[in-house]
């Protein structure tokens, strides 16, 4: 099973925190970042990567992904 690293940027702190909590609910492998700067990184299993990207985009984040 491949994992996908997602890097996201948000215009505000609250959006980054919202994404953090929603990604945790998806049971991502790992999530972290510099939320105060609107930056978030998450490692997810490939089967939920599309759902995680969509969630981030709905909140207003810009997404960059890579398979690890």
Protein backbone atom coordinates (compact mmCIF):
# COMPACT_ATOMS: atom_id res chain seq x y z
CA UNK A 1 0.00 0.00 0.00
CA UNK A 2 1.48 3.33 -1.08
CA UNK A 3 1.32 6.45 0.98
CA UNK A 4 0.81 9.97 -0.31
CA UNK A 5 2.30 13.10 1.20
CA UNK A 6 0.04 16.12 0.96
CA UNK A 7 1.34 19.64 1.48
CA UNK A 8 -1.28 22.34 1.80
CA UNK A 9 -1.27 26.08 2.28
CA UNK A 10 -4.13 28.11 3.71
CA UNK A 11 -4.80 31.82 3.86
CA UNK A 12 -5.57 31.68 7.57
CA UNK A 13 -4.81 29.87 10.78
CA UNK A 14 -8.40 28.80 11.40
CA UNK A 15 -8.64 27.05 8.03
CA UNK A 16 -5.41 25.14 8.71
CA UNK A 17 -6.74 24.03 12.11
CA UNK A 18 -10.06 22.99 10.60
CA UNK A 19 -8.23 20.87 8.02
CA UNK A 20 -6.09 19.32 10.76
CA UNK A 21 -9.13 18.17 12.72
CA UNK A 22 -10.98 16.86 9.67
CA UNK A 23 -7.91 14.98 8.43
CA UNK A 24 -7.50 13.39 11.86
CA UNK A 25 -11.10 12.19 11.57
CA UNK A 26 -10.14 10.48 8.27
CA UNK A 27 -7.48 8.59 10.22
CA UNK A 28 -4.50 9.85 8.26
CA UNK A 29 -1.11 8.26 8.97
CA UNK A 30 0.45 11.53 10.14
CA UNK A 31 -0.42 15.22 10.09
CA UNK A 32 1.61 18.23 11.13
CA UNK A 33 2.73 21.62 10.00
CA UNK A 34 3.10 25.25 10.92
CA UNK A 35 -0.55 26.07 11.44
CA UNK A 36 0.13 29.66 12.54
CA UNK A 37 1.60 30.20 9.06
CA UNK A 38 -1.22 28.36 7.29
CA UNK A 39 0.96 25.35 6.38
CA UNK A 40 -0.06 21.73 6.81
CA UNK A 41 1.50 18.41 5.80
CA UNK A 42 -0.22 15.05 5.96
CA UNK A 43 0.74 11.49 5.11
CA UNK A 44 -2.24 9.42 4.02
CA UNK A 45 -2.84 5.98 2.62
CA UNK A 46 -3.36 6.07 -1.13
CA UNK A 47 -6.99 4.92 -0.90
CA UNK A 48 -8.06 8.06 1.02
CA UNK A 49 -5.75 10.54 -0.75
CA UNK A 50 -8.46 11.87 -3.09
CA UNK A 51 -10.85 12.36 -0.19
CA UNK A 52 -8.16 14.19 1.82
CA UNK A 53 -7.26 16.46 -1.11
CA UNK A 54 -10.93 17.27 -1.71
CA UNK A 55 -11.45 18.05 1.98
CA UNK A 56 -8.50 20.48 1.96
CA UNK A 57 -9.69 22.18 -1.21
CA UNK A 58 -13.22 22.60 0.22
CA UNK A 59 -11.73 24.47 3.18
CA UNK A 60 -9.81 26.73 0.79
CA UNK A 61 -6.37 25.13 0.83
CA UNK A 62 -3.97 24.84 -2.09
CA UNK A 63 -2.70 21.25 -2.42
CA UNK A 64 0.54 19.69 -3.61
CA UNK A 65 0.91 15.88 -3.42
CA UNK A 66 3.59 13.27 -3.94
CA UNK A 67 3.71 9.48 -3.53
CA UNK A 68 6.22 8.31 -0.92
